[in-house]
N, C-alpha and C. Protein backbone atom coordinates (compact mmCIF):
# COMPACT_ATOMS: atom_id res chain seq x y z
N UNK A 1 -16.68 7.19 -29.36
CA UNK A 1 -15.50 8.00 -29.19
C UNK A 1 -14.30 7.18 -29.67
N UNK A 2 -13.42 7.85 -30.39
CA UNK A 2 -12.18 7.22 -30.86
C UNK A 2 -11.01 7.75 -30.05
N UNK A 3 -10.24 6.83 -29.53
CA UNK A 3 -9.03 7.19 -28.80
C UNK A 3 -7.83 6.70 -29.59
N UNK A 4 -6.93 7.60 -29.87
CA UNK A 4 -5.68 7.26 -30.54
C UNK A 4 -4.57 7.46 -29.51
N UNK A 5 -3.76 6.46 -29.33
CA UNK A 5 -2.65 6.54 -28.39
C UNK A 5 -1.36 6.52 -29.18
N UNK A 6 -0.50 7.47 -28.92
CA UNK A 6 0.77 7.61 -29.63
C UNK A 6 1.89 7.61 -28.60
N UNK A 7 2.79 6.66 -28.76
CA UNK A 7 3.98 6.67 -27.89
C UNK A 7 4.95 7.69 -28.46
N UNK A 8 5.58 8.44 -27.57
CA UNK A 8 6.53 9.47 -28.01
C UNK A 8 7.58 8.89 -28.94
N UNK A 9 8.22 9.76 -29.70
CA UNK A 9 9.27 9.34 -30.62
C UNK A 9 10.56 8.98 -29.89
N UNK A 10 11.55 8.57 -30.67
CA UNK A 10 12.86 8.18 -30.12
C UNK A 10 13.48 9.38 -29.41
N UNK A 11 13.93 9.15 -28.18
CA UNK A 11 14.46 10.23 -27.34
C UNK A 11 15.88 9.90 -26.89
N UNK A 12 16.53 10.91 -26.32
CA UNK A 12 17.85 10.70 -25.73
C UNK A 12 17.75 9.60 -24.68
N UNK A 13 18.78 8.77 -24.62
CA UNK A 13 18.78 7.65 -23.68
C UNK A 13 18.78 8.14 -22.23
N UNK A 14 18.17 7.36 -21.33
CA UNK A 14 18.22 7.72 -19.91
C UNK A 14 19.67 7.78 -19.42
N UNK A 15 19.93 8.74 -18.57
CA UNK A 15 21.26 8.85 -17.98
C UNK A 15 22.26 9.64 -18.81
N UNK A 16 21.88 10.10 -20.00
CA UNK A 16 22.78 10.90 -20.82
C UNK A 16 23.00 12.24 -20.12
N UNK A 17 24.26 12.63 -20.00
CA UNK A 17 24.61 13.87 -19.31
C UNK A 17 23.86 15.05 -19.92
N UNK A 18 23.32 15.89 -19.05
CA UNK A 18 22.60 17.08 -19.48
C UNK A 18 21.11 16.86 -19.61
N UNK A 19 20.66 15.62 -19.53
CA UNK A 19 19.24 15.34 -19.67
C UNK A 19 18.70 14.63 -18.44
N UNK A 20 19.07 15.11 -17.28
CA UNK A 20 18.48 14.62 -16.05
C UNK A 20 17.62 15.76 -15.52
N UNK A 21 16.51 15.49 -14.98
CA UNK A 21 15.89 14.19 -14.74
C UNK A 21 15.27 13.61 -16.02
N UNK A 22 14.68 12.44 -15.88
CA UNK A 22 14.07 11.72 -16.99
C UNK A 22 13.07 12.58 -17.76
N UNK A 23 12.36 13.44 -17.07
CA UNK A 23 11.32 14.27 -17.70
C UNK A 23 11.89 15.26 -18.71
N UNK A 24 13.21 15.46 -18.70
CA UNK A 24 13.82 16.45 -19.59
C UNK A 24 14.52 15.83 -20.80
N UNK A 25 14.35 14.53 -21.02
CA UNK A 25 14.97 13.90 -22.19
C UNK A 25 14.24 14.33 -23.45
N UNK A 26 14.95 14.93 -24.42
CA UNK A 26 14.30 15.40 -25.65
C UNK A 26 14.26 14.32 -26.73
N UNK A 27 13.50 14.58 -27.76
CA UNK A 27 13.53 13.73 -28.94
C UNK A 27 14.88 13.88 -29.63
N UNK A 28 15.34 12.82 -30.25
CA UNK A 28 16.56 12.89 -31.06
C UNK A 28 16.17 13.34 -32.47
N UNK A 29 17.17 13.67 -33.29
CA UNK A 29 16.91 14.02 -34.68
C UNK A 29 16.21 12.86 -35.39
N UNK A 30 16.65 11.64 -35.11
CA UNK A 30 16.02 10.45 -35.70
C UNK A 30 14.56 10.33 -35.24
N UNK A 31 14.31 10.62 -33.98
CA UNK A 31 12.95 10.58 -33.46
C UNK A 31 12.05 11.59 -34.16
N UNK A 32 12.55 12.80 -34.38
CA UNK A 32 11.77 13.83 -35.08
C UNK A 32 11.51 13.42 -36.53
N UNK A 33 12.53 12.84 -37.18
CA UNK A 33 12.37 12.39 -38.57
C UNK A 33 11.30 11.31 -38.67
N UNK A 34 11.34 10.36 -37.76
CA UNK A 34 10.35 9.28 -37.79
C UNK A 34 8.93 9.80 -37.57
N UNK A 35 8.82 10.86 -36.77
CA UNK A 35 7.49 11.43 -36.53
C UNK A 35 6.92 12.07 -37.79
N UNK A 36 7.78 12.52 -38.69
CA UNK A 36 7.29 13.03 -39.97
C UNK A 36 6.55 11.91 -40.73
N UNK A 37 7.11 10.71 -40.67
CA UNK A 37 6.46 9.55 -41.30
C UNK A 37 5.14 9.25 -40.60
N UNK A 38 5.12 9.35 -39.29
CA UNK A 38 3.89 9.13 -38.53
C UNK A 38 2.81 10.11 -38.97
N UNK A 39 3.18 11.37 -39.11
CA UNK A 39 2.23 12.39 -39.56
C UNK A 39 1.69 12.03 -40.94
N UNK A 40 2.57 11.63 -41.85
CA UNK A 40 2.11 11.24 -43.20
C UNK A 40 1.13 10.08 -43.14
N UNK A 41 1.42 9.10 -42.29
CA UNK A 41 0.52 7.96 -42.15
C UNK A 41 -0.82 8.41 -41.56
N UNK A 42 -0.80 9.30 -40.58
CA UNK A 42 -2.03 9.81 -39.99
C UNK A 42 -2.88 10.52 -41.05
N UNK A 43 -2.23 11.26 -41.92
CA UNK A 43 -2.94 11.95 -43.01
C UNK A 43 -3.55 10.92 -43.95
N UNK A 44 -2.78 9.88 -44.32
CA UNK A 44 -3.30 8.82 -45.20
C UNK A 44 -4.50 8.11 -44.57
N UNK A 45 -4.46 7.96 -43.26
CA UNK A 45 -5.58 7.33 -42.54
C UNK A 45 -6.76 8.28 -42.35
N UNK A 46 -6.58 9.53 -42.79
CA UNK A 46 -7.60 10.58 -42.69
C UNK A 46 -8.04 10.81 -41.24
N UNK A 47 -7.07 10.81 -40.33
CA UNK A 47 -7.36 11.04 -38.93
C UNK A 47 -7.58 12.52 -38.67
N UNK A 48 -8.41 12.80 -37.68
CA UNK A 48 -8.60 14.16 -37.19
C UNK A 48 -8.80 14.06 -35.69
N UNK A 49 -8.51 15.15 -35.01
CA UNK A 49 -8.57 15.14 -33.55
C UNK A 49 -9.30 16.38 -33.04
N UNK A 50 -10.13 16.16 -32.03
CA UNK A 50 -10.79 17.27 -31.34
C UNK A 50 -9.95 17.73 -30.15
N UNK A 51 -9.06 16.85 -29.71
CA UNK A 51 -8.23 17.11 -28.54
C UNK A 51 -6.95 16.30 -28.65
N UNK A 52 -5.83 16.93 -28.34
CA UNK A 52 -4.56 16.23 -28.18
C UNK A 52 -4.15 16.44 -26.73
N UNK A 53 -4.05 15.35 -25.99
CA UNK A 53 -3.67 15.41 -24.58
C UNK A 53 -2.36 14.66 -24.42
N UNK A 54 -1.36 15.32 -23.84
CA UNK A 54 -0.02 14.76 -23.78
C UNK A 54 0.55 14.80 -22.38
N UNK A 55 1.47 13.88 -22.16
CA UNK A 55 2.34 13.97 -20.99
C UNK A 55 3.14 15.27 -21.12
N UNK A 56 3.42 15.93 -20.00
CA UNK A 56 4.25 17.14 -20.08
C UNK A 56 5.75 16.85 -20.17
N UNK A 57 6.16 15.57 -20.07
CA UNK A 57 7.59 15.24 -20.20
C UNK A 57 8.04 15.70 -21.59
N UNK A 58 9.25 16.23 -21.67
CA UNK A 58 9.72 16.90 -22.87
C UNK A 58 9.56 16.07 -24.15
N UNK A 59 9.95 14.80 -24.12
CA UNK A 59 9.89 13.99 -25.35
C UNK A 59 8.45 13.79 -25.82
N UNK A 60 7.52 13.62 -24.90
CA UNK A 60 6.11 13.49 -25.27
C UNK A 60 5.55 14.84 -25.71
N UNK A 61 5.92 15.88 -25.01
CA UNK A 61 5.46 17.23 -25.35
C UNK A 61 5.92 17.59 -26.77
N UNK A 62 7.19 17.31 -27.09
CA UNK A 62 7.70 17.59 -28.43
C UNK A 62 6.95 16.77 -29.47
N UNK A 63 6.67 15.51 -29.17
CA UNK A 63 5.91 14.65 -30.08
C UNK A 63 4.53 15.25 -30.33
N UNK A 64 3.83 15.61 -29.27
CA UNK A 64 2.48 16.18 -29.40
C UNK A 64 2.51 17.51 -30.15
N UNK A 65 3.52 18.30 -29.91
CA UNK A 65 3.63 19.60 -30.60
C UNK A 65 3.85 19.41 -32.11
N UNK A 66 4.62 18.40 -32.49
CA UNK A 66 4.83 18.11 -33.92
C UNK A 66 3.50 17.73 -34.57
N UNK A 67 2.73 16.89 -33.90
CA UNK A 67 1.43 16.47 -34.44
C UNK A 67 0.49 17.67 -34.49
N UNK A 68 0.41 18.43 -33.41
CA UNK A 68 -0.48 19.59 -33.35
C UNK A 68 -0.14 20.61 -34.44
N UNK A 69 1.14 20.84 -34.66
CA UNK A 69 1.57 21.79 -35.70
C UNK A 69 1.14 21.31 -37.07
N UNK A 70 1.39 20.04 -37.39
CA UNK A 70 1.07 19.51 -38.70
C UNK A 70 -0.43 19.41 -38.96
N UNK A 71 -1.22 19.23 -37.91
CA UNK A 71 -2.66 19.16 -38.06
C UNK A 71 -3.33 20.49 -37.75
N UNK A 72 -2.52 21.52 -37.52
CA UNK A 72 -3.02 22.86 -37.19
C UNK A 72 -3.99 22.82 -36.01
N UNK A 73 -3.53 22.16 -34.94
CA UNK A 73 -4.35 21.98 -33.75
C UNK A 73 -3.67 22.48 -32.48
N UNK A 74 -2.82 23.47 -32.60
CA UNK A 74 -2.11 23.95 -31.40
C UNK A 74 -3.06 24.38 -30.29
N UNK A 75 -4.20 24.93 -30.66
CA UNK A 75 -5.17 25.38 -29.64
C UNK A 75 -5.91 24.21 -29.00
N UNK A 76 -5.80 23.02 -29.58
CA UNK A 76 -6.47 21.82 -29.04
C UNK A 76 -5.51 20.95 -28.25
N UNK A 77 -4.29 21.46 -28.00
CA UNK A 77 -3.26 20.72 -27.28
C UNK A 77 -3.29 21.06 -25.80
N UNK A 78 -3.34 20.02 -24.97
CA UNK A 78 -3.32 20.19 -23.52
C UNK A 78 -2.39 19.13 -22.93
N UNK A 79 -2.06 19.30 -21.65
CA UNK A 79 -1.11 18.40 -21.00
C UNK A 79 -1.71 17.86 -19.71
N UNK A 80 -1.31 16.63 -19.39
CA UNK A 80 -1.83 15.98 -18.18
C UNK A 80 -0.72 15.21 -17.48
N UNK A 81 -0.56 15.45 -16.21
CA UNK A 81 0.38 14.69 -15.39
C UNK A 81 -0.02 13.21 -15.35
N UNK A 82 -1.28 12.93 -15.64
CA UNK A 82 -1.75 11.55 -15.59
C UNK A 82 -1.44 10.78 -16.87
N UNK A 83 -0.63 11.36 -17.76
CA UNK A 83 -0.07 10.63 -18.90
C UNK A 83 1.44 10.42 -18.74
N UNK A 84 2.00 10.83 -17.61
CA UNK A 84 3.41 10.58 -17.33
C UNK A 84 3.58 9.12 -16.93
N UNK A 85 4.82 8.62 -16.88
CA UNK A 85 5.02 7.22 -16.47
C UNK A 85 4.41 6.89 -15.11
N UNK A 86 4.32 7.87 -14.23
CA UNK A 86 3.74 7.63 -12.91
C UNK A 86 2.29 8.08 -12.82
N UNK A 87 1.68 8.36 -13.96
CA UNK A 87 0.31 8.87 -13.99
C UNK A 87 -0.71 7.86 -13.48
N UNK A 88 -1.88 8.38 -13.16
CA UNK A 88 -2.97 7.58 -12.62
C UNK A 88 -4.05 7.43 -13.70
N UNK A 89 -4.24 6.23 -14.26
CA UNK A 89 -5.23 6.06 -15.32
C UNK A 89 -6.66 6.39 -14.88
N UNK A 90 -6.99 6.15 -13.63
CA UNK A 90 -8.33 6.48 -13.14
C UNK A 90 -8.56 8.00 -13.22
N UNK A 91 -7.55 8.78 -12.82
CA UNK A 91 -7.67 10.24 -12.89
C UNK A 91 -7.67 10.73 -14.33
N UNK A 92 -6.89 10.07 -15.20
CA UNK A 92 -6.89 10.43 -16.62
C UNK A 92 -8.28 10.24 -17.21
N UNK A 93 -8.91 9.13 -16.91
CA UNK A 93 -10.25 8.84 -17.42
C UNK A 93 -11.25 9.88 -16.90
N UNK A 94 -11.14 10.24 -15.63
CA UNK A 94 -12.01 11.29 -15.07
C UNK A 94 -11.79 12.61 -15.82
N UNK A 95 -10.52 12.94 -16.06
CA UNK A 95 -10.19 14.18 -16.77
C UNK A 95 -10.79 14.16 -18.19
N UNK A 96 -10.64 13.05 -18.90
CA UNK A 96 -11.17 12.96 -20.26
C UNK A 96 -12.69 13.06 -20.28
N UNK A 97 -13.35 12.51 -19.27
CA UNK A 97 -14.81 12.56 -19.20
C UNK A 97 -15.34 13.95 -18.85
N UNK A 98 -14.47 14.86 -18.40
CA UNK A 98 -14.92 16.20 -18.03
C UNK A 98 -14.88 17.20 -19.18
N UNK A 99 -14.25 16.85 -20.31
CA UNK A 99 -14.18 17.78 -21.43
C UNK A 99 -15.56 18.01 -22.01
N UNK A 100 -15.90 19.28 -22.22
CA UNK A 100 -17.15 19.67 -22.84
C UNK A 100 -16.86 20.70 -23.92
N UNK A 101 -17.43 20.55 -25.09
CA UNK A 101 -18.22 19.40 -25.49
C UNK A 101 -17.34 18.15 -25.53
N UNK A 102 -17.99 17.01 -25.44
CA UNK A 102 -17.25 15.75 -25.42
C UNK A 102 -16.52 15.55 -26.74
N UNK A 103 -15.20 15.37 -26.69
CA UNK A 103 -14.46 15.16 -27.93
C UNK A 103 -14.78 13.79 -28.53
N UNK A 104 -14.85 13.74 -29.86
CA UNK A 104 -15.14 12.47 -30.55
C UNK A 104 -13.86 11.73 -30.93
N UNK A 105 -12.78 12.48 -31.16
CA UNK A 105 -11.49 11.90 -31.55
C UNK A 105 -10.40 12.51 -30.69
N UNK A 106 -9.81 11.69 -29.85
CA UNK A 106 -8.80 12.16 -28.89
C UNK A 106 -7.47 11.46 -29.16
N UNK A 107 -6.41 12.25 -29.22
CA UNK A 107 -5.06 11.69 -29.32
C UNK A 107 -4.38 11.84 -27.97
N UNK A 108 -3.94 10.71 -27.40
CA UNK A 108 -3.20 10.70 -26.15
C UNK A 108 -1.74 10.40 -26.46
N UNK A 109 -0.83 11.23 -25.97
CA UNK A 109 0.60 11.05 -26.23
C UNK A 109 1.30 10.79 -24.90
N UNK A 110 2.03 9.67 -24.84
CA UNK A 110 2.66 9.33 -23.57
C UNK A 110 3.78 8.33 -23.71
N UNK A 111 3.92 7.49 -22.69
CA UNK A 111 5.10 6.65 -22.48
C UNK A 111 4.72 5.20 -22.25
N UNK A 112 5.71 4.35 -22.36
CA UNK A 112 5.58 2.95 -21.97
C UNK A 112 6.24 2.78 -20.60
N UNK A 113 5.75 1.90 -19.79
CA UNK A 113 4.69 0.91 -20.04
C UNK A 113 3.28 1.45 -19.79
N UNK A 114 3.17 2.73 -19.44
CA UNK A 114 1.86 3.31 -19.08
C UNK A 114 0.82 3.12 -20.19
N UNK A 115 1.17 3.49 -21.44
CA UNK A 115 0.17 3.42 -22.51
C UNK A 115 -0.25 1.98 -22.79
N UNK A 116 0.69 1.05 -22.77
CA UNK A 116 0.34 -0.35 -22.98
C UNK A 116 -0.61 -0.86 -21.92
N UNK A 117 -0.37 -0.46 -20.69
CA UNK A 117 -1.26 -0.87 -19.58
C UNK A 117 -2.63 -0.21 -19.72
N UNK A 118 -2.65 1.04 -20.21
CA UNK A 118 -3.93 1.73 -20.43
C UNK A 118 -4.74 1.02 -21.53
N UNK A 119 -4.08 0.64 -22.61
CA UNK A 119 -4.74 -0.12 -23.68
C UNK A 119 -5.32 -1.41 -23.11
N UNK A 120 -4.51 -2.15 -22.36
CA UNK A 120 -4.96 -3.41 -21.76
C UNK A 120 -6.15 -3.18 -20.83
N UNK A 121 -6.09 -2.15 -20.01
CA UNK A 121 -7.16 -1.85 -19.06
C UNK A 121 -8.47 -1.57 -19.80
N UNK A 122 -8.40 -0.73 -20.82
CA UNK A 122 -9.62 -0.31 -21.52
C UNK A 122 -10.17 -1.41 -22.43
N UNK A 123 -9.28 -2.24 -23.01
CA UNK A 123 -9.72 -3.27 -23.95
C UNK A 123 -9.99 -4.62 -23.28
N UNK A 124 -9.24 -4.94 -22.23
CA UNK A 124 -9.38 -6.26 -21.60
C UNK A 124 -9.90 -6.20 -20.16
N UNK A 125 -9.88 -5.03 -19.56
CA UNK A 125 -10.38 -4.90 -18.20
C UNK A 125 -9.35 -5.08 -17.11
N UNK A 126 -8.11 -5.39 -17.50
CA UNK A 126 -7.03 -5.49 -16.52
C UNK A 126 -5.72 -5.15 -17.23
N UNK A 127 -4.65 -5.07 -16.48
CA UNK A 127 -3.36 -4.66 -17.06
C UNK A 127 -2.41 -5.82 -17.28
N UNK A 128 -2.92 -7.04 -17.25
CA UNK A 128 -2.03 -8.18 -17.40
C UNK A 128 -1.68 -8.48 -18.86
N UNK A 129 -2.45 -7.97 -19.80
CA UNK A 129 -2.17 -8.16 -21.22
C UNK A 129 -0.92 -7.37 -21.60
N UNK A 130 0.07 -8.04 -22.19
CA UNK A 130 1.30 -7.35 -22.59
C UNK A 130 1.14 -6.80 -23.99
N UNK A 131 1.45 -5.53 -24.15
CA UNK A 131 1.36 -4.84 -25.43
C UNK A 131 2.77 -4.41 -25.83
N UNK A 132 3.19 -4.75 -27.05
CA UNK A 132 4.49 -4.32 -27.56
C UNK A 132 4.26 -3.01 -28.32
N UNK A 133 4.39 -1.91 -27.61
CA UNK A 133 4.07 -0.58 -28.15
C UNK A 133 5.38 0.15 -28.43
N UNK A 134 5.77 0.19 -29.68
CA UNK A 134 7.05 0.77 -30.10
C UNK A 134 7.04 2.29 -29.98
N UNK A 135 8.23 2.87 -29.83
CA UNK A 135 8.36 4.33 -29.84
C UNK A 135 7.86 4.85 -31.18
N UNK A 136 6.93 5.79 -31.14
CA UNK A 136 6.32 6.30 -32.35
C UNK A 136 5.18 5.45 -32.85
N UNK A 137 4.81 4.39 -32.11
CA UNK A 137 3.69 3.53 -32.49
C UNK A 137 2.36 4.24 -32.24
N UNK A 138 1.33 3.80 -32.96
CA UNK A 138 0.02 4.43 -32.89
C UNK A 138 -1.06 3.36 -32.74
N UNK A 139 -1.98 3.59 -31.83
CA UNK A 139 -3.04 2.64 -31.53
C UNK A 139 -4.39 3.34 -31.61
N UNK A 140 -5.41 2.59 -32.06
CA UNK A 140 -6.78 3.13 -32.07
C UNK A 140 -7.68 2.25 -31.22
N UNK A 141 -8.40 2.89 -30.32
CA UNK A 141 -9.43 2.25 -29.51
C UNK A 141 -10.76 2.95 -29.79
N UNK A 142 -11.85 2.19 -29.78
CA UNK A 142 -13.19 2.76 -29.91
C UNK A 142 -13.97 2.45 -28.64
N UNK A 143 -14.73 3.44 -28.17
CA UNK A 143 -15.55 3.24 -26.98
C UNK A 143 -16.83 4.06 -27.07
N UNK A 144 -17.94 3.49 -26.64
CA UNK A 144 -19.19 4.24 -26.54
C UNK A 144 -19.09 5.27 -25.42
N UNK A 145 -18.46 4.85 -24.32
CA UNK A 145 -18.24 5.71 -23.17
C UNK A 145 -16.96 5.23 -22.51
N UNK A 146 -16.33 6.10 -21.76
CA UNK A 146 -15.04 5.79 -21.15
C UNK A 146 -15.21 5.51 -19.68
N UNK A 147 -14.78 4.31 -19.28
CA UNK A 147 -14.83 3.87 -17.89
C UNK A 147 -13.45 3.37 -17.48
N UNK A 148 -13.25 3.25 -16.17
CA UNK A 148 -12.05 2.61 -15.66
C UNK A 148 -12.31 1.11 -15.70
N UNK A 149 -11.79 0.45 -16.70
CA UNK A 149 -12.03 -0.98 -16.90
C UNK A 149 -12.36 -1.24 -18.35
N UNK A 150 -12.85 -2.43 -18.61
CA UNK A 150 -13.13 -2.83 -19.99
C UNK A 150 -14.29 -2.02 -20.56
N UNK A 151 -13.98 -1.19 -21.54
CA UNK A 151 -15.02 -0.36 -22.15
C UNK A 151 -14.73 -0.07 -23.62
N UNK A 152 -13.58 -0.53 -24.12
CA UNK A 152 -13.16 -0.16 -25.47
C UNK A 152 -12.81 -1.39 -26.29
N UNK A 153 -12.82 -1.18 -27.59
CA UNK A 153 -12.42 -2.21 -28.54
C UNK A 153 -11.10 -1.77 -29.17
N UNK A 154 -10.12 -2.67 -29.17
CA UNK A 154 -8.85 -2.41 -29.84
C UNK A 154 -9.09 -2.58 -31.33
N UNK A 155 -8.93 -1.49 -32.09
CA UNK A 155 -9.19 -1.52 -33.53
C UNK A 155 -7.92 -1.83 -34.29
N UNK A 156 -6.81 -1.16 -33.94
CA UNK A 156 -5.51 -1.46 -34.53
C UNK A 156 -4.39 -0.90 -33.69
N UNK A 157 -3.20 -1.48 -33.93
CA UNK A 157 -1.96 -1.05 -33.29
C UNK A 157 -0.89 -1.09 -34.37
N UNK A 158 -0.38 0.07 -34.74
CA UNK A 158 0.59 0.18 -35.82
C UNK A 158 1.98 0.47 -35.29
N UNK A 159 2.95 -0.21 -35.86
CA UNK A 159 4.35 0.07 -35.55
C UNK A 159 4.83 1.21 -36.45
N UNK A 160 5.92 1.87 -36.11
CA UNK A 160 6.48 2.88 -37.00
C UNK A 160 6.81 2.32 -38.39
N UNK A 161 7.27 1.07 -38.43
CA UNK A 161 7.62 0.45 -39.72
C UNK A 161 6.36 0.28 -40.59
N UNK A 162 5.26 -0.14 -39.99
CA UNK A 162 4.03 -0.29 -40.74
C UNK A 162 3.55 1.07 -41.27
N UNK A 163 3.69 2.12 -40.47
CA UNK A 163 3.31 3.45 -40.93
C UNK A 163 4.21 3.92 -42.05
N UNK A 164 5.48 3.59 -41.97
CA UNK A 164 6.42 3.94 -43.03
C UNK A 164 5.99 3.29 -44.35
N UNK A 165 5.56 2.06 -44.31
CA UNK A 165 5.12 1.35 -45.50
C UNK A 165 3.85 1.96 -46.10
N UNK A 166 3.09 2.68 -45.30
CA UNK A 166 1.87 3.33 -45.77
C UNK A 166 2.14 4.60 -46.57
N UNK A 167 3.31 5.19 -46.35
CA UNK A 167 3.57 6.50 -46.95
C UNK A 167 4.27 6.39 -48.29
């Protein structure tokens, strides 16, 4: 199984008037533009997804919707509270293991530090490994099966700048 983790694009800063609570912060125009580059890089990498699972927070939801639209996967888009900053990785893993048929390529869209800790948990078995996961960054993990703990191999972690250079 291939897991792709995508951190949401650049969003309105916390505390900006009109965007409280945190869950309602939208992507900025710059964030949406950068995601176009991410989509181009994903196409160059010949990625495909059986499932896109996103945090329901607005900035992540908008990010996932942009990807789903460009890959014509709107019907494969779902949302999970366990991808929010306060989400529970154990419950997320249980949720992912319940999909039938089992998806082979899954895109998870969420936030930091949650995604970095999830990468560390799955690749190293604990959350002490620090991951510098930029907004709009993309990571690939491979796993035979998904467990809570070390079960995956970190294949790559791309910054938005690296994806820009690919296009």
